Amino acid sequence: MFNQLYYSTRNRLTLRLIALAVVVFGNIIFFVVPGNVAFNTLAIVFASFAYMGISAINLFASFTNLNGIFKAPNSYVMALTPVHPWKRLFGSVVPAVFFDTLGFFVGIGGILIQTTGTGIDFEDMMGTMGSSIPLSHYFIFMLVAGLALYGLFLIGFLFWRAVSRSILYRYPFRNLLGFVIAVAAMMAVSWFNVLLLPFGELINFGPFFNIQISQYTGFHFALMVLSILLQGAVLLWAAAQLMNRRINI
C-alpha cells in the first residue's frame, strides 16, 4: 500500500509543486510589498487567477493519473503490480485528494490574504447556519466531509473507467454507456444516506438524494461521513473486482 501511495504521489509531482510555489510566493510578494489601490486590486486579481490556475493544474494531474490506470502504457505497469487492484486504486485516490485539497486551500488562502479587511464575521455567519457546535469543530467536520465527498467523486470516476474498459469494452459508445452506469451506481449507493433519515428530511439533488439536517451535532457529522465512506468503499470494491476479472488494457 505504501509503495502504491509513493509512486502515485510521484506522478506529475513536479508540475503540482511548481504551481504551488507560484501561488505561494506570488501571494507573499503581493502581500508584503506596499502599494496603492491599483496595486492592491492587481493583487486580488492575481490571487483569483492563481487559485483558478492551481485548481486546473491539480485537476489535470489527478484525472490524468487516474485515467492512466486504464490506459497504456501506464496500465501495463499497474496490471503487473503484484497487489490487489483495490490497493492500486486507493493508492491513486489518496494523493489526488491530498494535492487537490492542498491547492484549494492555498488558493483560497491567497485570496483571503489579499482581501483582508473585508469585515466578514465568520462567527456570526456560522451562527446562522443552525450549528450548535463551535466554529473550529464545525470547520473540522466540514473539512473531513468535503475530503470524503471529493474522494467519492474520484472513486466514481474510477468506477466509470473500470466499467468502460471491462464489461463494455467491446461495445460501441462504451464511455457513454459506462458513464450512465456509473451515475446509476452512485445513485444506488446514495441510499446509504438513510442512516441520517431519523435526524432530517429527504431532499433531491438532481438524480441523487440526501438527508437535510436542521441541527448539526458531532454525532450527525460522524454519521454523514460514515455514509460517504460506505458509498466510496462499495464503488471502490466494485471497480477493483472489474479490474481483477474483466479489465482490458
Protein backbone atom coordinates (compact mmCIF):
# COMPACT_ATOMS: atom_id res chain seq x y z
CA MET A 1 0.00 0.00 0.00
CA PHE A 2 2.78 2.46 0.92
CA ASN A 3 4.54 1.74 -2.36
CA GLN A 4 1.32 2.48 -4.23
CA LEU A 5 0.98 5.79 -2.39
CA TYR A 6 4.61 6.65 -3.05
CA TYR A 7 4.58 6.03 -6.80
CA SER A 8 1.17 7.64 -7.25
CA THR A 9 2.41 10.72 -5.40
CA ARG A 10 5.41 10.99 -7.72
CA ASN A 11 3.23 11.14 -10.83
CA ARG A 12 3.28 14.77 -12.05
CA LEU A 13 4.58 15.88 -8.66
CA THR A 14 6.91 18.45 -10.25
CA LEU A 15 4.00 20.11 -12.04
CA ARG A 16 1.99 20.28 -8.83
CA LEU A 17 4.89 21.71 -6.82
CA ILE A 18 5.68 24.37 -9.42
CA ALA A 19 2.05 25.51 -9.42
CA LEU A 20 2.01 25.53 -5.62
CA ALA A 21 5.24 27.55 -5.44
CA VAL A 22 3.97 30.15 -7.92
CA VAL A 23 0.77 30.67 -5.93
CA VAL A 24 2.51 30.84 -2.54
CA PHE A 25 5.40 33.11 -3.46
CA GLY A 26 3.26 35.28 -5.72
CA ASN A 27 0.77 35.96 -2.94
CA ILE A 28 3.58 36.60 -0.45
CA ILE A 29 5.19 39.18 -2.76
CA PHE A 30 1.91 40.98 -3.37
CA PHE A 31 1.14 40.94 0.35
CA VAL A 32 4.45 42.22 1.74
CA VAL A 33 5.15 44.84 -0.95
CA PRO A 34 3.33 48.10 -0.11
CA GLY A 35 1.21 49.54 -2.87
CA ASN A 36 -1.70 51.79 -3.74
CA VAL A 37 -5.31 50.91 -4.50
CA ALA A 38 -4.48 49.84 -8.06
CA PHE A 39 -1.69 47.58 -6.81
CA ASN A 40 -4.00 46.01 -4.21
CA THR A 41 -6.60 45.39 -6.89
CA LEU A 42 -3.94 43.72 -9.02
CA ALA A 43 -3.04 41.53 -6.04
CA ILE A 44 -6.64 40.34 -5.74
CA VAL A 45 -6.79 39.64 -9.46
CA PHE A 46 -3.54 37.66 -9.25
CA ALA A 47 -4.80 35.65 -6.28
CA SER A 48 -8.04 34.83 -8.09
CA PHE A 49 -6.32 33.70 -11.28
CA ALA A 50 -3.70 31.83 -9.25
CA TYR A 51 -6.47 29.93 -7.48
CA MET A 52 -8.10 29.01 -10.78
CA GLY A 53 -4.72 28.05 -12.23
CA ILE A 54 -3.61 25.75 -9.43
CA SER A 55 -7.07 24.15 -9.34
CA ALA A 56 -6.95 23.46 -13.08
CA ILE A 57 -3.40 22.06 -12.89
CA ASN A 58 -4.22 19.80 -9.95
CA LEU A 59 -7.38 18.52 -11.61
CA PHE A 60 -5.48 17.85 -14.82
CA ALA A 61 -2.76 15.97 -12.94
CA SER A 62 -5.21 13.97 -10.82
CA PHE A 63 -7.53 12.84 -13.58
CA THR A 64 -4.67 12.16 -15.98
CA ASN A 65 -3.04 9.93 -13.36
CA LEU A 66 -6.30 8.13 -12.58
CA ASN A 67 -7.12 7.65 -16.25
CA GLY A 68 -3.62 6.27 -16.79
CA ILE A 69 -4.55 3.25 -14.68
CA PHE A 70 -6.77 2.13 -17.55
CA LYS A 71 -4.72 3.36 -20.49
CA ALA A 72 -1.48 2.04 -21.99
CA PRO A 73 1.40 2.26 -21.26
CA ASN A 74 0.82 3.09 -17.57
CA SER A 75 -1.87 0.44 -17.32
CA TYR A 76 0.70 -2.28 -18.10
CA VAL A 77 2.75 -1.37 -15.06
CA MET A 78 -0.35 -1.20 -12.87
CA ALA A 79 -1.60 -4.56 -14.13
CA LEU A 80 1.73 -6.24 -13.41
CA THR A 81 1.95 -4.85 -9.87
CA PRO A 82 1.55 -7.87 -7.54
CA VAL A 83 -1.10 -6.34 -5.27
CA HIS A 84 -4.87 -6.43 -5.26
CA PRO A 85 -6.48 -3.82 -7.55
CA TRP A 86 -8.25 -2.07 -4.66
CA LYS A 87 -4.85 -1.12 -3.24
CA ARG A 88 -3.76 0.32 -6.57
CA LEU A 89 -6.97 2.31 -6.86
CA PHE A 90 -6.94 3.52 -3.26
CA GLY A 91 -3.26 4.38 -3.51
CA SER A 92 -4.03 6.58 -6.51
CA VAL A 93 -7.02 8.34 -4.98
CA VAL A 94 -5.34 9.42 -1.74
CA PRO A 95 -2.58 11.57 -3.33
CA ALA A 96 -5.13 13.13 -5.69
CA VAL A 97 -7.37 14.13 -2.78
CA PHE A 98 -4.39 15.44 -0.79
CA PHE A 99 -2.84 17.61 -3.51
CA ASP A 100 -6.16 18.90 -4.86
CA THR A 101 -7.28 19.86 -1.35
CA LEU A 102 -3.92 21.46 -0.57
CA GLY A 103 -4.10 23.50 -3.76
CA PHE A 104 -7.67 24.54 -2.96
CA PHE A 105 -6.78 25.86 0.49
CA VAL A 106 -3.60 27.56 -0.69
CA GLY A 107 -5.52 29.27 -3.50
CA ILE A 108 -8.40 30.32 -1.24
CA GLY A 109 -5.92 31.40 1.43
CA GLY A 110 -4.20 33.65 -1.09
CA ILE A 111 -7.50 35.32 -1.97
CA LEU A 112 -8.33 35.84 1.71
CA ILE A 113 -4.89 37.30 2.39
CA GLN A 114 -5.21 39.79 -0.45
CA THR A 115 -8.73 40.77 0.61
CA THR A 116 -8.02 41.28 4.33
CA GLY A 117 -10.09 43.93 5.96
CA THR A 118 -13.37 42.97 4.29
CA GLY A 119 -15.06 42.84 7.68
CA ILE A 120 -16.61 39.40 7.24
CA ASP A 121 -17.57 37.94 10.62
CA PHE A 122 -17.36 34.18 10.18
CA GLU A 123 -18.58 33.52 13.71
CA ASP A 124 -21.83 35.38 13.01
CA MET A 125 -22.17 33.73 9.61
CA MET A 126 -21.78 30.26 11.10
CA GLY A 127 -24.21 31.11 13.88
CA THR A 128 -26.98 31.49 11.29
CA MET A 129 -26.43 28.01 9.90
CA GLY A 130 -28.18 26.13 12.69
CA SER A 131 -24.99 24.65 14.15
CA SER A 132 -24.78 24.03 17.90
CA ILE A 133 -21.07 23.16 17.86
CA PRO A 134 -18.07 25.54 17.99
CA LEU A 135 -16.82 27.09 14.78
CA SER A 136 -13.48 25.28 14.94
CA HIS A 137 -15.19 21.90 15.31
CA TYR A 138 -17.64 22.78 12.54
CA PHE A 139 -14.76 23.61 10.22
CA ILE A 140 -13.00 20.32 11.01
CA PHE A 141 -16.15 18.30 10.40
CA MET A 142 -16.87 20.10 7.13
CA LEU A 143 -13.28 19.59 6.02
CA VAL A 144 -13.47 15.85 6.67
CA ALA A 145 -16.85 15.62 4.93
CA GLY A 146 -15.51 17.59 1.96
CA LEU A 147 -12.49 15.31 1.65
CA ALA A 148 -14.75 12.25 1.80
CA LEU A 149 -17.09 13.68 -0.86
CA TYR A 150 -14.24 14.54 -3.20
CA GLY A 151 -12.77 11.08 -2.68
CA LEU A 152 -16.18 9.59 -3.53
CA PHE A 153 -16.26 11.65 -6.73
CA LEU A 154 -12.82 10.37 -7.76
CA ILE A 155 -13.80 6.79 -6.98
CA GLY A 156 -16.90 7.27 -9.10
CA PHE A 157 -14.60 8.32 -11.94
CA LEU A 158 -12.50 5.16 -11.43
CA PHE A 159 -15.65 3.04 -11.44
CA TRP A 160 -16.72 4.64 -14.73
CA ARG A 161 -13.36 3.89 -16.33
CA ALA A 162 -13.35 0.34 -14.97
CA VAL A 163 -16.82 -0.35 -16.39
CA SER A 164 -15.90 1.14 -19.76
CA ARG A 165 -12.70 -0.91 -20.00
CA SER A 166 -14.18 -4.20 -18.82
CA ILE A 167 -17.77 -5.33 -19.37
CA LEU A 168 -18.39 -2.67 -22.04
CA TYR A 169 -15.03 -2.92 -23.78
CA ARG A 170 -16.38 -4.50 -26.97
CA TYR A 171 -19.45 -2.27 -27.23
CA PRO A 172 -19.74 0.97 -29.20
CA PHE A 173 -20.17 4.14 -27.14
CA ARG A 174 -18.66 2.29 -24.18
CA ASN A 175 -17.57 5.52 -22.48
CA LEU A 176 -21.06 7.00 -22.65
CA LEU A 177 -22.68 3.76 -21.50
CA GLY A 178 -20.11 3.44 -18.74
CA PHE A 179 -20.88 6.97 -17.58
CA VAL A 180 -24.59 6.16 -17.40
CA ILE A 181 -23.88 3.00 -15.40
CA ALA A 182 -21.54 4.90 -13.07
CA VAL A 183 -24.19 7.55 -12.40
CA ALA A 184 -26.78 4.82 -11.75
CA ALA A 185 -24.36 3.09 -9.37
CA MET A 186 -23.73 6.31 -7.46
CA MET A 187 -27.49 6.85 -7.25
CA ALA A 188 -27.83 3.35 -5.83
CA VAL A 189 -25.13 3.72 -3.18
CA SER A 190 -26.56 7.10 -2.16
CA TRP A 191 -29.19 5.05 -0.32
CA PHE A 192 -26.63 4.74 2.46
CA ASN A 193 -27.81 8.22 3.40
CA VAL A 194 -30.81 6.61 5.07
CA LEU A 195 -28.53 6.42 8.10
CA LEU A 196 -29.39 10.09 8.59
CA LEU A 197 -33.12 9.78 7.89
CA PRO A 198 -34.16 9.79 11.60
CA PHE A 199 -32.47 13.20 12.00
CA GLY A 200 -33.76 15.12 8.99
CA GLU A 201 -35.88 15.13 5.86
CA LEU A 202 -35.38 13.65 2.41
CA ILE A 203 -34.34 16.09 -0.34
CA ASN A 204 -33.45 15.70 -4.01
CA PHE A 205 -30.13 16.75 -5.52
CA GLY A 206 -30.50 16.04 -9.22
CA PRO A 207 -30.69 12.27 -9.68
CA PHE A 208 -29.38 11.70 -6.15
CA PHE A 209 -30.95 12.22 -2.78
CA ASN A 210 -29.67 13.33 0.58
CA ILE A 211 -30.92 13.99 4.09
CA GLN A 212 -31.23 17.62 5.16
CA ILE A 213 -30.45 18.03 8.84
CA SER A 214 -31.72 21.14 10.61
CA GLN A 215 -29.44 20.96 13.66
CA TYR A 216 -25.94 19.55 13.32
CA THR A 217 -24.02 17.85 16.10
CA GLY A 218 -20.82 15.85 16.16
CA PHE A 219 -22.85 12.65 16.01
CA HIS A 220 -24.70 13.83 12.89
CA PHE A 221 -21.45 14.73 11.17
CA ALA A 222 -19.94 11.36 12.07
CA LEU A 223 -22.91 9.58 10.50
CA MET A 224 -22.70 11.78 7.41
CA VAL A 225 -19.00 10.99 6.90
CA LEU A 226 -19.67 7.28 7.57
CA SER A 227 -22.35 7.28 4.89
CA ILE A 228 -19.97 8.85 2.35
CA LEU A 229 -17.20 6.39 3.23
CA LEU A 230 -19.55 3.43 2.81
CA GLN A 231 -20.57 4.66 -0.63
CA GLY A 232 -16.94 5.05 -1.65
CA ALA A 233 -16.00 1.64 -0.29
CA VAL A 234 -18.74 -0.10 -2.30
CA LEU A 235 -17.77 1.63 -5.54
CA LEU A 236 -14.07 1.01 -4.93
CA TRP A 237 -14.71 -2.69 -4.28
CA ALA A 238 -16.82 -2.96 -7.45
CA ALA A 239 -14.18 -1.22 -9.57
CA ALA A 240 -11.46 -3.45 -8.10
CA GLN A 241 -13.46 -6.59 -8.91
CA LEU A 242 -13.88 -5.47 -12.51
CA MET A 243 -10.16 -4.77 -12.78
CA ASN A 244 -9.30 -8.12 -11.26
CA ARG A 245 -11.51 -10.18 -13.57
CA ARG A 246 -12.55 -8.31 -16.70
CA ILE A 247 -10.21 -5.39 -17.40
CA ASN A 248 -8.90 -4.87 -20.95
CA ILE A 249 -5.79 -2.74 -21.42
